[in-house]
Amino acid sequence: MNTVEIQFQLGRECRSAILDSEDYLTFDSVIRLIQHTFPTCKHPFTSFIYVDDDGDRVTVSSELEMDPLRNFYYRICQEQLSSKPILKLLPIVNRNHANLTINTISSPSNEHHRQNKNYASLEANAENILSSGNMLSLDMLEIIGTGNSGVVRRCRNRQTQQILAVKMISLDFQKEEKKT
């Protein structure tokens, strides 16, 4: 029975764990192993990342996405006959506690309503500024910081001249998902 040694890196912390058999190299067993390896983590683990042969970071978030990882692992095993390779994974936690979603569908009547707003009468707060949803009305001044999911920039609203911090994230969805 061949065991699989996996090294997990969560932030700066690095821990190793062993799967009892290559047969257990499934999405659910890897997620359970991550949870067992990091029991004090408050957030649920939803997926993980590995670096493939080309140096690309590949996210695995379901059993359907495990085949390329298994093929990658078995190929490394064949190349390194003298030693057993260590599979290096980066766990990803779910930070969306409130289960927030983004409405990407805009109706024509809603857009007309947005254009007719009198911005001079609005109170200059972040909620009113960002409710317009128009990033073109912001001047990007500088990058304040970067994080796990995006870049935080210092911006100025052109209408109100208010300075605010805006976190810009890239959305990871396919065109089919956007339609639903």
C-alpha atoms as a PDB file:
ATOM      1  CA  MET A   1       0.000   0.000   0.000  1.00  0.00           C
ATOM      2  CA  ASN A   2       1.526   3.330  -1.107  1.00  0.00           C
ATOM      3  CA  THR A   3       1.069   6.298   1.185  1.00  0.00           C
ATOM      4  CA  VAL A   4       0.893   9.894  -0.023  1.00  0.00           C
ATOM      5  CA  GLU A   5       2.783  12.551   1.924  1.00  0.00           C
ATOM      6  CA  ILE A   6       1.171  15.962   1.626  1.00  0.00           C
ATOM      7  CA  GLN A   7       2.627  19.258   2.780  1.00  0.00           C
ATOM      8  CA  PHE A   8       0.081  21.994   3.508  1.00  0.00           C
ATOM      9  CA  GLN A   9       0.989  25.659   3.697  1.00  0.00           C
ATOM     10  CA  LEU A  10      -1.599  27.949   5.283  1.00  0.00           C
ATOM     11  CA  GLY A  11      -0.211  31.464   5.483  1.00  0.00           C
ATOM     12  CA  ARG A  12       3.240  31.149   7.043  1.00  0.00           C
ATOM     13  CA  GLU A  13       2.440  27.865   8.741  1.00  0.00           C
ATOM     14  CA  CYS A  14       3.563  24.668   7.057  1.00  0.00           C
ATOM     15  CA  ARG A  15       2.428  21.196   8.197  1.00  0.00           C
ATOM     16  CA  SER A  16       2.720  17.704   6.783  1.00  0.00           C
ATOM     17  CA  ALA A  17       0.202  14.873   6.788  1.00  0.00           C
ATOM     18  CA  ILE A  18      -0.028  11.411   5.280  1.00  0.00           C
ATOM     19  CA  LEU A  19      -2.847   9.763   3.363  1.00  0.00           C
ATOM     20  CA  ASP A  20      -2.867   6.025   4.044  1.00  0.00           C
ATOM     21  CA  SER A  21      -3.215   5.083   0.391  1.00  0.00           C
ATOM     22  CA  GLU A  22      -3.110   6.590  -3.092  1.00  0.00           C
ATOM     23  CA  ASP A  23      -6.693   5.327  -3.391  1.00  0.00           C
ATOM     24  CA  TYR A  24      -7.685   7.999  -0.847  1.00  0.00           C
ATOM     25  CA  LEU A  25      -6.437  10.811  -3.060  1.00  0.00           C
ATOM     26  CA  THR A  26      -9.954  12.233  -3.481  1.00  0.00           C
ATOM     27  CA  PHE A  27     -11.248  15.758  -2.983  1.00  0.00           C
ATOM     28  CA  ASP A  28     -13.235  14.901   0.159  1.00  0.00           C
ATOM     29  CA  SER A  29     -10.373  13.007   1.779  1.00  0.00           C
ATOM     30  CA  VAL A  30      -7.918  15.845   1.106  1.00  0.00           C
ATOM     31  CA  ILE A  31     -10.341  18.445   2.553  1.00  0.00           C
ATOM     32  CA  ARG A  32     -10.868  16.231   5.650  1.00  0.00           C
ATOM     33  CA  LEU A  33      -7.099  15.843   5.982  1.00  0.00           C
ATOM     34  CA  ILE A  34      -6.653  19.638   5.789  1.00  0.00           C
ATOM     35  CA  GLN A  35      -9.310  20.111   8.496  1.00  0.00           C
ATOM     36  CA  HIS A  36      -7.609  17.477  10.653  1.00  0.00           C
ATOM     37  CA  THR A  37      -4.189  19.081  10.094  1.00  0.00           C
ATOM     38  CA  PHE A  38      -5.422  22.600  10.981  1.00  0.00           C
ATOM     39  CA  PRO A  39      -8.078  21.923  13.665  1.00  0.00           C
ATOM     40  CA  THR A  40      -7.910  25.423  15.177  1.00  0.00           C
ATOM     41  CA  CYS A  41      -8.830  27.203  11.933  1.00  0.00           C
ATOM     42  CA  LYS A  42     -12.213  28.905  12.446  1.00  0.00           C
ATOM     43  CA  HIS A  43     -13.144  28.998   8.768  1.00  0.00           C
ATOM     44  CA  PRO A  44     -14.194  25.991   6.668  1.00  0.00           C
ATOM     45  CA  PHE A  45     -11.800  24.788   3.980  1.00  0.00           C
ATOM     46  CA  THR A  46     -13.423  24.841   0.553  1.00  0.00           C
ATOM     47  CA  SER A  47     -10.612  24.120  -1.887  1.00  0.00           C
ATOM     48  CA  PHE A  48      -6.859  24.026  -2.321  1.00  0.00           C
ATOM     49  CA  ILE A  49      -4.170  25.046  -4.793  1.00  0.00           C
ATOM     50  CA  TYR A  50      -1.234  23.139  -6.222  1.00  0.00           C
ATOM     51  CA  VAL A  51       1.512  24.193  -8.633  1.00  0.00           C
ATOM     52  CA  ASP A  52       1.639  22.063 -11.790  1.00  0.00           C
ATOM     53  CA  ASP A  53       4.535  21.139 -14.119  1.00  0.00           C
ATOM     54  CA  ASP A  54       4.371  24.492 -15.904  1.00  0.00           C
ATOM     55  CA  GLY A  55       4.472  26.474 -12.654  1.00  0.00           C
ATOM     56  CA  ASP A  56       0.789  27.420 -12.918  1.00  0.00           C
ATOM     57  CA  ARG A  57      -1.276  27.610  -9.737  1.00  0.00           C
ATOM     58  CA  VAL A  58      -4.274  25.305 -10.158  1.00  0.00           C
ATOM     59  CA  THR A  59      -7.293  25.553  -7.850  1.00  0.00           C
ATOM     60  CA  VAL A  60      -9.108  22.323  -6.988  1.00  0.00           C
ATOM     61  CA  SER A  61     -12.618  22.845  -5.621  1.00  0.00           C
ATOM     62  CA  SER A  62     -14.406  19.598  -6.536  1.00  0.00           C
ATOM     63  CA  GLU A  63     -13.835  15.931  -7.316  1.00  0.00           C
ATOM     64  CA  LEU A  64     -14.052  16.714 -11.048  1.00  0.00           C
ATOM     65  CA  GLU A  65     -10.895  18.827 -10.739  1.00  0.00           C
ATOM     66  CA  MET A  66      -8.920  16.066  -8.965  1.00  0.00           C
ATOM     67  CA  ASP A  67      -7.981  14.093 -12.109  1.00  0.00           C
ATOM     68  CA  PRO A  68      -5.307  16.579 -13.260  1.00  0.00           C
ATOM     69  CA  LEU A  69      -3.863  16.598  -9.723  1.00  0.00           C
ATOM     70  CA  ARG A  70      -3.765  12.791  -9.576  1.00  0.00           C
ATOM     71  CA  ASN A  71      -2.160  12.621 -13.032  1.00  0.00           C
ATOM     72  CA  PHE A  72       0.386  15.235 -11.946  1.00  0.00           C
ATOM     73  CA  TYR A  73       1.177  13.278  -8.765  1.00  0.00           C
ATOM     74  CA  TYR A  74       1.508   9.904 -10.536  1.00  0.00           C
ATOM     75  CA  ARG A  75       3.737  11.463 -13.206  1.00  0.00           C
ATOM     76  CA  ILE A  76       6.040  12.837 -10.487  1.00  0.00           C
ATOM     77  CA  CYS A  77       6.085   9.406  -8.817  1.00  0.00           C
ATOM     78  CA  GLN A  78       7.256   7.801 -12.071  1.00  0.00           C
ATOM     79  CA  GLU A  79       9.944  10.441 -12.582  1.00  0.00           C
ATOM     80  CA  GLN A  80      11.281  10.133  -9.022  1.00  0.00           C
ATOM     81  CA  LEU A  81      11.581   6.367  -8.688  1.00  0.00           C
ATOM     82  CA  SER A  82      14.237   6.603  -5.969  1.00  0.00           C
ATOM     83  CA  SER A  83      12.217   8.764  -3.563  1.00  0.00           C
ATOM     84  CA  LYS A  84       8.549   9.328  -2.817  1.00  0.00           C
ATOM     85  CA  PRO A  85       7.497  12.876  -3.815  1.00  0.00           C
ATOM     86  CA  ILE A  86       5.787  15.241  -1.404  1.00  0.00           C
ATOM     87  CA  LEU A  87       2.567  16.741  -2.726  1.00  0.00           C
ATOM     88  CA  LYS A  88       2.499  20.458  -1.819  1.00  0.00           C
ATOM     89  CA  LEU A  89      -0.946  22.043  -1.414  1.00  0.00           C
ATOM     90  CA  LEU A  90      -2.178  25.475  -0.340  1.00  0.00           C
ATOM     91  CA  PRO A  91      -5.555  25.213   1.459  1.00  0.00           C
ATOM     92  CA  ILE A  92      -8.192  27.876   0.789  1.00  0.00           C
ATOM     93  CA  VAL A  93     -10.694  28.878   3.472  1.00  0.00           C
ATOM     94  CA  ASN A  94     -14.178  30.259   2.927  1.00  0.00           C
ATOM     95  CA  ARG A  95     -14.156  33.849   4.179  1.00  0.00           C
ATOM     96  CA  ASN A  96     -17.640  34.644   2.917  1.00  0.00           C
ATOM     97  CA  HIS A  97     -19.358  34.151   6.286  1.00  0.00           C
ATOM     98  CA  ALA A  98     -22.549  35.946   5.267  1.00  0.00           C
ATOM     99  CA  ASN A  99     -22.844  33.996   1.994  1.00  0.00           C
ATOM    100  CA  LEU A 100     -22.824  37.242  -0.008  1.00  0.00           C
ATOM    101  CA  THR A 101     -23.251  37.132  -3.766  1.00  0.00           C
ATOM    102  CA  ILE A 102     -22.837  39.723  -6.496  1.00  0.00           C
ATOM    103  CA  ASN A 103     -25.764  40.688  -8.693  1.00  0.00           C
ATOM    104  CA  THR A 104     -24.263  40.902 -12.183  1.00  0.00           C
ATOM    105  CA  ILE A 105     -27.597  41.368 -13.937  1.00  0.00           C
ATOM    106  CA  SER A 106     -28.648  44.957 -14.545  1.00  0.00           C
ATOM    107  CA  SER A 107     -32.064  45.818 -15.884  1.00  0.00           C
ATOM    108  CA  PRO A 108     -32.562  48.764 -18.263  1.00  0.00           C
ATOM    109  CA  SER A 109     -34.991  50.445 -15.852  1.00  0.00           C
ATOM    110  CA  ASN A 110     -32.425  50.202 -13.047  1.00  0.00           C
ATOM    111  CA  GLU A 111     -29.726  51.815 -15.217  1.00  0.00           C
ATOM    112  CA  HIS A 112     -32.087  54.667 -16.142  1.00  0.00           C
ATOM    113  CA  HIS A 113     -32.799  55.226 -12.443  1.00  0.00           C
ATOM    114  CA  ARG A 114     -29.067  55.392 -11.689  1.00  0.00           C
ATOM    115  CA  GLN A 115     -28.431  58.023 -14.357  1.00  0.00           C
ATOM    116  CA  ASN A 116     -31.177  60.296 -13.035  1.00  0.00           C
ATOM    117  CA  LYS A 117     -29.798  60.441  -9.482  1.00  0.00           C
ATOM    118  CA  ASN A 118     -28.910  63.895  -8.310  1.00  0.00           C
ATOM    119  CA  TYR A 119     -25.494  63.288  -6.750  1.00  0.00           C
ATOM    120  CA  ALA A 120     -25.322  66.798  -5.300  1.00  0.00           C
ATOM    121  CA  SER A 121     -28.203  66.022  -2.955  1.00  0.00           C
ATOM    122  CA  LEU A 122     -26.732  62.737  -1.744  1.00  0.00           C
ATOM    123  CA  GLU A 123     -24.772  62.533   1.455  1.00  0.00           C
ATOM    124  CA  ALA A 124     -21.150  61.795   0.585  1.00  0.00           C
ATOM    125  CA  ASN A 125     -20.683  58.417   2.198  1.00  0.00           C
ATOM    126  CA  ALA A 126     -19.217  55.190   0.920  1.00  0.00           C
ATOM    127  CA  GLU A 127     -22.601  53.467   0.593  1.00  0.00           C
ATOM    128  CA  ASN A 128     -23.973  56.121  -1.758  1.00  0.00           C
ATOM    129  CA  ILE A 129     -20.757  56.360  -3.730  1.00  0.00           C
ATOM    130  CA  LEU A 130     -20.401  52.642  -4.257  1.00  0.00           C
ATOM    131  CA  SER A 131     -24.114  52.060  -4.910  1.00  0.00           C
ATOM    132  CA  SER A 132     -23.663  53.685  -8.298  1.00  0.00           C
ATOM    133  CA  GLY A 133     -21.426  50.754  -9.199  1.00  0.00           C
ATOM    134  CA  ASN A 134     -19.409  52.919 -11.553  1.00  0.00           C
ATOM    135  CA  MET A 135     -15.679  52.524 -10.986  1.00  0.00           C
ATOM    136  CA  LEU A 136     -15.045  55.136 -13.691  1.00  0.00           C
ATOM    137  CA  SER A 137     -16.208  57.830 -11.254  1.00  0.00           C
ATOM    138  CA  LEU A 138     -13.199  57.066  -9.030  1.00  0.00           C
ATOM    139  CA  ASP A 139      -9.656  58.377  -9.368  1.00  0.00           C
ATOM    140  CA  MET A 140      -7.189  55.667  -8.328  1.00  0.00           C
ATOM    141  CA  LEU A 141      -4.555  57.442  -6.224  1.00  0.00           C
ATOM    142  CA  GLU A 142      -2.330  54.679  -4.861  1.00  0.00           C
ATOM    143  CA  ILE A 143      -2.191  51.062  -3.756  1.00  0.00           C
ATOM    144  CA  ILE A 144      -2.615  50.771   0.006  1.00  0.00           C
ATOM    145  CA  GLY A 145      -2.127  47.030   0.253  1.00  0.00           C
ATOM    146  CA  THR A 146      -2.672  43.621  -1.245  1.00  0.00           C
ATOM    147  CA  GLY A 147      -4.359  40.612   0.250  1.00  0.00           C
ATOM    148  CA  ASN A 148      -5.539  37.101  -0.399  1.00  0.00           C
ATOM    149  CA  SER A 149      -8.384  38.118  -2.657  1.00  0.00           C
ATOM    150  CA  GLY A 150      -7.502  41.492  -4.104  1.00  0.00           C
ATOM    151  CA  VAL A 151      -5.843  44.891  -4.010  1.00  0.00           C
ATOM    152  CA  VAL A 152      -6.880  47.792  -1.766  1.00  0.00           C
ATOM    153  CA  ARG A 153      -6.504  51.195  -3.409  1.00  0.00           C
ATOM    154  CA  ARG A 154      -6.875  54.729  -2.118  1.00  0.00           C
ATOM    155  CA  CYS A 155      -9.429  56.411  -4.378  1.00  0.00           C
ATOM    156  CA  ARG A 156     -11.163  59.777  -4.733  1.00  0.00           C
ATOM    157  CA  ASN A 157     -14.752  60.079  -5.891  1.00  0.00           C
ATOM    158  CA  ARG A 158     -14.917  62.649  -8.700  1.00  0.00           C
ATOM    159  CA  GLN A 159     -18.368  63.998  -7.762  1.00  0.00           C
ATOM    160  CA  THR A 160     -17.902  64.342  -4.003  1.00  0.00           C
ATOM    161  CA  GLN A 161     -14.079  64.512  -3.761  1.00  0.00           C
ATOM    162  CA  GLN A 162     -14.298  62.081  -0.836  1.00  0.00           C
ATOM    163  CA  ILE A 163     -11.260  59.842  -0.255  1.00  0.00           C
ATOM    164  CA  LEU A 164     -12.014  56.174   0.321  1.00  0.00           C
ATOM    165  CA  ALA A 165     -10.384  52.780   0.318  1.00  0.00           C
ATOM    166  CA  VAL A 166     -11.702  50.421  -2.347  1.00  0.00           C
ATOM    167  CA  LYS A 167     -10.884  46.727  -2.416  1.00  0.00           C
ATOM    168  CA  MET A 168     -10.779  45.432  -5.965  1.00  0.00           C
ATOM    169  CA  ILE A 169     -11.252  41.700  -6.369  1.00  0.00           C
ATOM    170  CA  SER A 170     -11.279  39.538  -9.442  1.00  0.00           C
ATOM    171  CA  LEU A 171     -14.351  37.379  -9.840  1.00  0.00           C
ATOM    172  CA  ASP A 172     -13.730  33.720 -10.545  1.00  0.00           C
ATOM    173  CA  PHE A 173     -16.732  32.531 -12.543  1.00  0.00           C
ATOM    174  CA  GLN A 174     -17.519  31.237 -15.984  1.00  0.00           C
ATOM    175  CA  LYS A 175     -19.958  32.840 -18.436  1.00  0.00           C
ATOM    176  CA  GLU A 176     -22.466  30.046 -17.748  1.00  0.00           C
ATOM    177  CA  GLU A 177     -22.378  30.815 -14.017  1.00  0.00           C
ATOM    178  CA  LYS A 178     -22.936  34.522 -14.636  1.00  0.00           C
ATOM    179  CA  LYS A 179     -26.244  33.790 -16.378  1.00  0.00           C
ATOM    180  CA  THR A 180     -27.704  32.043 -13.320  1.00  0.00           C
END
